[in-house]
């Protein structure tokens, strides 16, 4: 592993920098299921979404930086349903040139510690494609368990991929 990243929170950074980071991750990864530019056609739509998400207690958005450059992000979004507000969904992405260097592990460790400290989220869920073996190993080594296999969950062109629902109790 190379240089350890600094972990920053959404409020500490410029929105344009965060937007560019997340967009770059989405466009450079075959494992992201959303079409970024359709979901967030403008920086304002991106900022509105995440600013609203962050109003929910227990939700957060972290950025990893190496040499003052954004290298990855992690979001934990608390479920807004009253009887599910003890659960949250995790989304994470690492800039292509920094993948496999421990950035994801650093973000994940910080997120789990933050969730424990805040004592709001009790269960973290995430979805990962079955063929994304590096991510699955990372999640399992961080205490996530496979809960369900969703056959043909993702379709890219004419190819189908199985999704895995994973969870970790805090």
C-alpha atoms as a PDB file:
ATOM      1  CA  UNK A   1       0.000   0.000   0.000  1.00  0.00           C
ATOM      2  CA  UNK A   2       1.239   3.465  -0.822  1.00  0.00           C
ATOM      3  CA  UNK A   3       0.632   6.747   0.925  1.00  0.00           C
ATOM      4  CA  UNK A   4      -2.343   6.765   3.300  1.00  0.00           C
ATOM      5  CA  UNK A   5      -5.207   9.009   2.252  1.00  0.00           C
ATOM      6  CA  UNK A   6      -6.579  11.918   4.199  1.00  0.00           C
ATOM      7  CA  UNK A   7     -10.316  11.503   4.782  1.00  0.00           C
ATOM      8  CA  UNK A   8     -12.497  14.610   4.428  1.00  0.00           C
ATOM      9  CA  UNK A   9     -16.210  15.275   4.758  1.00  0.00           C
ATOM     10  CA  UNK A  10     -18.554  16.752   2.153  1.00  0.00           C
ATOM     11  CA  UNK A  11     -18.843  20.122   3.893  1.00  0.00           C
ATOM     12  CA  UNK A  12     -15.059  20.566   3.858  1.00  0.00           C
ATOM     13  CA  UNK A  13     -14.742  20.519   0.048  1.00  0.00           C
ATOM     14  CA  UNK A  14     -15.820  22.471  -3.010  1.00  0.00           C
ATOM     15  CA  UNK A  15     -18.893  20.999  -4.706  1.00  0.00           C
ATOM     16  CA  UNK A  16     -17.258  21.159  -8.161  1.00  0.00           C
ATOM     17  CA  UNK A  17     -14.376  18.992  -6.904  1.00  0.00           C
ATOM     18  CA  UNK A  18     -16.753  16.406  -5.440  1.00  0.00           C
ATOM     19  CA  UNK A  19     -18.953  16.378  -8.559  1.00  0.00           C
ATOM     20  CA  UNK A  20     -15.898  15.813 -10.774  1.00  0.00           C
ATOM     21  CA  UNK A  21     -14.601  13.022  -8.535  1.00  0.00           C
ATOM     22  CA  UNK A  22     -17.864  11.080  -8.433  1.00  0.00           C
ATOM     23  CA  UNK A  23     -18.506  11.584 -12.150  1.00  0.00           C
ATOM     24  CA  UNK A  24     -14.980  10.366 -13.010  1.00  0.00           C
ATOM     25  CA  UNK A  25     -15.454   7.250 -10.880  1.00  0.00           C
ATOM     26  CA  UNK A  26     -18.822   6.466 -12.476  1.00  0.00           C
ATOM     27  CA  UNK A  27     -17.520   6.955 -16.008  1.00  0.00           C
ATOM     28  CA  UNK A  28     -14.329   4.909 -15.464  1.00  0.00           C
ATOM     29  CA  UNK A  29     -15.856   1.923 -13.675  1.00  0.00           C
ATOM     30  CA  UNK A  30     -17.707  -0.934 -15.313  1.00  0.00           C
ATOM     31  CA  UNK A  31     -19.249  -1.734 -11.924  1.00  0.00           C
ATOM     32  CA  UNK A  32     -21.413   1.361 -11.388  1.00  0.00           C
ATOM     33  CA  UNK A  33     -25.035   0.708 -12.336  1.00  0.00           C
ATOM     34  CA  UNK A  34     -26.361   4.276 -12.555  1.00  0.00           C
ATOM     35  CA  UNK A  35     -25.903   6.524 -15.569  1.00  0.00           C
ATOM     36  CA  UNK A  36     -24.301   9.485 -13.817  1.00  0.00           C
ATOM     37  CA  UNK A  37     -25.154  12.214 -16.341  1.00  0.00           C
ATOM     38  CA  UNK A  38     -28.835  11.206 -16.383  1.00  0.00           C
ATOM     39  CA  UNK A  39     -29.002  11.064 -12.596  1.00  0.00           C
ATOM     40  CA  UNK A  40     -27.143  14.365 -12.139  1.00  0.00           C
ATOM     41  CA  UNK A  41     -27.374  16.501 -15.293  1.00  0.00           C
ATOM     42  CA  UNK A  42     -25.914  19.520 -13.484  1.00  0.00           C
ATOM     43  CA  UNK A  43     -23.668  20.287 -10.540  1.00  0.00           C
ATOM     44  CA  UNK A  44     -26.688  21.906  -8.866  1.00  0.00           C
ATOM     45  CA  UNK A  45     -28.757  18.704  -9.110  1.00  0.00           C
ATOM     46  CA  UNK A  46     -25.825  16.780  -7.612  1.00  0.00           C
ATOM     47  CA  UNK A  47     -25.414  19.319  -4.788  1.00  0.00           C
ATOM     48  CA  UNK A  48     -29.162  19.337  -4.050  1.00  0.00           C
ATOM     49  CA  UNK A  49     -29.288  15.531  -3.822  1.00  0.00           C
ATOM     50  CA  UNK A  50     -26.362  15.225  -1.429  1.00  0.00           C
ATOM     51  CA  UNK A  51     -27.228  18.279   0.653  1.00  0.00           C
ATOM     52  CA  UNK A  52     -30.699  16.773   1.185  1.00  0.00           C
ATOM     53  CA  UNK A  53     -29.194  13.363   1.975  1.00  0.00           C
ATOM     54  CA  UNK A  54     -26.927  14.926   4.593  1.00  0.00           C
ATOM     55  CA  UNK A  55     -29.929  16.400   6.429  1.00  0.00           C
ATOM     56  CA  UNK A  56     -30.827  12.863   7.523  1.00  0.00           C
ATOM     57  CA  UNK A  57     -29.060  12.149  10.852  1.00  0.00           C
ATOM     58  CA  UNK A  58     -26.456   9.419  10.413  1.00  0.00           C
ATOM     59  CA  UNK A  59     -25.888  10.062   6.698  1.00  0.00           C
ATOM     60  CA  UNK A  60     -22.473  11.211   5.545  1.00  0.00           C
ATOM     61  CA  UNK A  61     -20.253  11.683   2.498  1.00  0.00           C
ATOM     62  CA  UNK A  62     -16.489  11.138   2.769  1.00  0.00           C
ATOM     63  CA  UNK A  63     -13.705  11.880   0.317  1.00  0.00           C
ATOM     64  CA  UNK A  64     -10.226  10.334   0.343  1.00  0.00           C
ATOM     65  CA  UNK A  65      -7.405  12.558  -0.865  1.00  0.00           C
ATOM     66  CA  UNK A  66      -3.834  11.675  -1.784  1.00  0.00           C
ATOM     67  CA  UNK A  67      -1.391  14.562  -2.268  1.00  0.00           C
ATOM     68  CA  UNK A  68      -4.342  16.955  -2.049  1.00  0.00           C
ATOM     69  CA  UNK A  69      -6.105  15.237  -4.991  1.00  0.00           C
ATOM     70  CA  UNK A  70      -9.428  13.413  -4.646  1.00  0.00           C
ATOM     71  CA  UNK A  71      -8.865   9.649  -4.872  1.00  0.00           C
ATOM     72  CA  UNK A  72     -12.191   8.142  -3.801  1.00  0.00           C
ATOM     73  CA  UNK A  73     -15.486   8.681  -2.033  1.00  0.00           C
ATOM     74  CA  UNK A  74     -17.952   6.871   0.208  1.00  0.00           C
ATOM     75  CA  UNK A  75     -21.533   7.750   1.034  1.00  0.00           C
ATOM     76  CA  UNK A  76     -23.672   6.331   3.784  1.00  0.00           C
ATOM     77  CA  UNK A  77     -27.318   7.222   3.208  1.00  0.00           C
ATOM     78  CA  UNK A  78     -29.754   6.531   6.026  1.00  0.00           C
ATOM     79  CA  UNK A  79     -33.077   5.082   4.946  1.00  0.00           C
ATOM     80  CA  UNK A  80     -35.648   7.903   5.383  1.00  0.00           C
ATOM     81  CA  UNK A  81     -38.509   5.514   6.231  1.00  0.00           C
ATOM     82  CA  UNK A  82     -39.261   5.906   9.942  1.00  0.00           C
ATOM     83  CA  UNK A  83     -39.154   2.206  10.773  1.00  0.00           C
ATOM     84  CA  UNK A  84     -36.026   1.655   8.667  1.00  0.00           C
ATOM     85  CA  UNK A  85     -34.064   4.684   9.854  1.00  0.00           C
ATOM     86  CA  UNK A  86     -31.655   2.393  11.725  1.00  0.00           C
ATOM     87  CA  UNK A  87     -30.434   1.139   8.312  1.00  0.00           C
ATOM     88  CA  UNK A  88     -28.321   2.811   5.646  1.00  0.00           C
ATOM     89  CA  UNK A  89     -27.057   2.124   2.137  1.00  0.00           C
ATOM     90  CA  UNK A  90     -23.370   2.403   1.338  1.00  0.00           C
ATOM     91  CA  UNK A  91     -21.971   3.529  -2.002  1.00  0.00           C
ATOM     92  CA  UNK A  92     -18.267   3.808  -2.703  1.00  0.00           C
ATOM     93  CA  UNK A  93     -15.980   4.479  -5.643  1.00  0.00           C
ATOM     94  CA  UNK A  94     -12.255   4.900  -6.171  1.00  0.00           C
ATOM     95  CA  UNK A  95     -10.535   6.847  -8.960  1.00  0.00           C
ATOM     96  CA  UNK A  96      -9.122   4.379 -11.493  1.00  0.00           C
ATOM     97  CA  UNK A  97      -5.440   5.182 -10.891  1.00  0.00           C
ATOM     98  CA  UNK A  98      -5.848   4.621  -7.133  1.00  0.00           C
ATOM     99  CA  UNK A  99      -7.745   1.313  -7.182  1.00  0.00           C
ATOM    100  CA  UNK A 100      -6.120  -1.550  -5.308  1.00  0.00           C
ATOM    101  CA  UNK A 101      -4.027   0.765  -3.110  1.00  0.00           C
ATOM    102  CA  UNK A 102      -6.002   0.617   0.146  1.00  0.00           C
ATOM    103  CA  UNK A 103      -8.105   3.750  -0.400  1.00  0.00           C
ATOM    104  CA  UNK A 104     -11.362   1.780  -0.257  1.00  0.00           C
ATOM    105  CA  UNK A 105     -10.287   0.057   2.961  1.00  0.00           C
ATOM    106  CA  UNK A 106      -9.380   3.417   4.550  1.00  0.00           C
ATOM    107  CA  UNK A 107     -12.750   4.908   3.578  1.00  0.00           C
ATOM    108  CA  UNK A 108     -14.649   1.832   4.730  1.00  0.00           C
ATOM    109  CA  UNK A 109     -12.840   1.702   8.085  1.00  0.00           C
ATOM    110  CA  UNK A 110     -13.506   5.407   8.677  1.00  0.00           C
ATOM    111  CA  UNK A 111     -17.167   5.006   7.711  1.00  0.00           C
ATOM    112  CA  UNK A 112     -17.703   2.061  10.058  1.00  0.00           C
ATOM    113  CA  UNK A 113     -16.007   3.942  12.897  1.00  0.00           C
ATOM    114  CA  UNK A 114     -18.099   7.055  12.205  1.00  0.00           C
ATOM    115  CA  UNK A 115     -21.315   4.992  12.179  1.00  0.00           C
ATOM    116  CA  UNK A 116     -20.320   3.393  15.505  1.00  0.00           C
ATOM    117  CA  UNK A 117     -19.490   6.769  17.053  1.00  0.00           C
ATOM    118  CA  UNK A 118     -22.703   8.445  15.869  1.00  0.00           C
ATOM    119  CA  UNK A 119     -24.737   5.459  17.124  1.00  0.00           C
ATOM    120  CA  UNK A 120     -27.615   6.075  14.688  1.00  0.00           C
ATOM    121  CA  UNK A 121     -27.083   3.423  12.011  1.00  0.00           C
ATOM    122  CA  UNK A 122     -27.286  -0.181  13.181  1.00  0.00           C
ATOM    123  CA  UNK A 123     -27.166  -1.974   9.824  1.00  0.00           C
ATOM    124  CA  UNK A 124     -25.290  -1.017   6.654  1.00  0.00           C
ATOM    125  CA  UNK A 125     -26.402  -2.509   3.324  1.00  0.00           C
ATOM    126  CA  UNK A 126     -24.654  -2.444  -0.015  1.00  0.00           C
ATOM    127  CA  UNK A 127     -25.017  -3.975  -3.460  1.00  0.00           C
ATOM    128  CA  UNK A 128     -22.061  -5.320  -5.401  1.00  0.00           C
ATOM    129  CA  UNK A 129     -21.822  -7.238  -8.645  1.00  0.00           C
ATOM    130  CA  UNK A 130     -20.824 -10.868  -8.266  1.00  0.00           C
ATOM    131  CA  UNK A 131     -17.928 -10.428 -10.715  1.00  0.00           C
ATOM    132  CA  UNK A 132     -16.427  -7.538  -8.684  1.00  0.00           C
ATOM    133  CA  UNK A 133     -14.296  -9.936  -6.622  1.00  0.00           C
ATOM    134  CA  UNK A 134     -11.884  -7.316  -5.244  1.00  0.00           C
ATOM    135  CA  UNK A 135     -14.742  -5.321  -3.744  1.00  0.00           C
ATOM    136  CA  UNK A 136     -16.393  -8.450  -2.330  1.00  0.00           C
ATOM    137  CA  UNK A 137     -13.141  -9.454  -0.598  1.00  0.00           C
ATOM    138  CA  UNK A 138     -12.807  -5.959   0.864  1.00  0.00           C
ATOM    139  CA  UNK A 139     -16.386  -5.944   2.153  1.00  0.00           C
ATOM    140  CA  UNK A 140     -16.129  -9.444   3.621  1.00  0.00           C
ATOM    141  CA  UNK A 141     -12.858  -8.603   5.371  1.00  0.00           C
ATOM    142  CA  UNK A 142     -14.646  -5.583   6.888  1.00  0.00           C
ATOM    143  CA  UNK A 143     -17.427  -7.704   8.365  1.00  0.00           C
ATOM    144  CA  UNK A 144     -20.044  -7.605   5.606  1.00  0.00           C
ATOM    145  CA  UNK A 145     -21.992 -10.826   4.968  1.00  0.00           C
ATOM    146  CA  UNK A 146     -23.682 -11.935   1.766  1.00  0.00           C
ATOM    147  CA  UNK A 147     -27.451 -11.849   2.258  1.00  0.00           C
ATOM    148  CA  UNK A 148     -28.943 -12.499  -1.183  1.00  0.00           C
ATOM    149  CA  UNK A 149     -27.981 -13.152  -4.779  1.00  0.00           C
ATOM    150  CA  UNK A 150     -30.064 -11.258  -7.340  1.00  0.00           C
ATOM    151  CA  UNK A 151     -29.760 -13.094 -10.629  1.00  0.00           C
ATOM    152  CA  UNK A 152     -29.761 -10.844 -13.711  1.00  0.00           C
ATOM    153  CA  UNK A 153     -29.859  -7.785 -11.443  1.00  0.00           C
ATOM    154  CA  UNK A 154     -27.800  -5.624 -13.797  1.00  0.00           C
ATOM    155  CA  UNK A 155     -27.994  -5.514 -17.590  1.00  0.00           C
ATOM    156  CA  UNK A 156     -25.283  -3.908 -19.688  1.00  0.00           C
ATOM    157  CA  UNK A 157     -25.988  -4.161 -23.393  1.00  0.00           C
ATOM    158  CA  UNK A 158     -27.093  -7.767 -23.825  1.00  0.00           C
ATOM    159  CA  UNK A 159     -25.140  -9.123 -20.834  1.00  0.00           C
ATOM    160  CA  UNK A 160     -26.651  -9.812 -17.432  1.00  0.00           C
ATOM    161  CA  UNK A 161     -24.826  -9.743 -14.101  1.00  0.00           C
ATOM    162  CA  UNK A 162     -25.795 -11.124 -10.709  1.00  0.00           C
ATOM    163  CA  UNK A 163     -25.924  -8.663  -7.840  1.00  0.00           C
ATOM    164  CA  UNK A 164     -25.095  -9.516  -4.257  1.00  0.00           C
ATOM    165  CA  UNK A 165     -26.827  -7.807  -1.366  1.00  0.00           C
ATOM    166  CA  UNK A 166     -24.467  -7.566   1.597  1.00  0.00           C
ATOM    167  CA  UNK A 167     -24.910  -6.176   5.096  1.00  0.00           C
ATOM    168  CA  UNK A 168     -22.894  -5.415   8.184  1.00  0.00           C
ATOM    169  CA  UNK A 169     -24.257  -4.995  11.680  1.00  0.00           C
ATOM    170  CA  UNK A 170     -22.732  -2.065  13.564  1.00  0.00           C
END
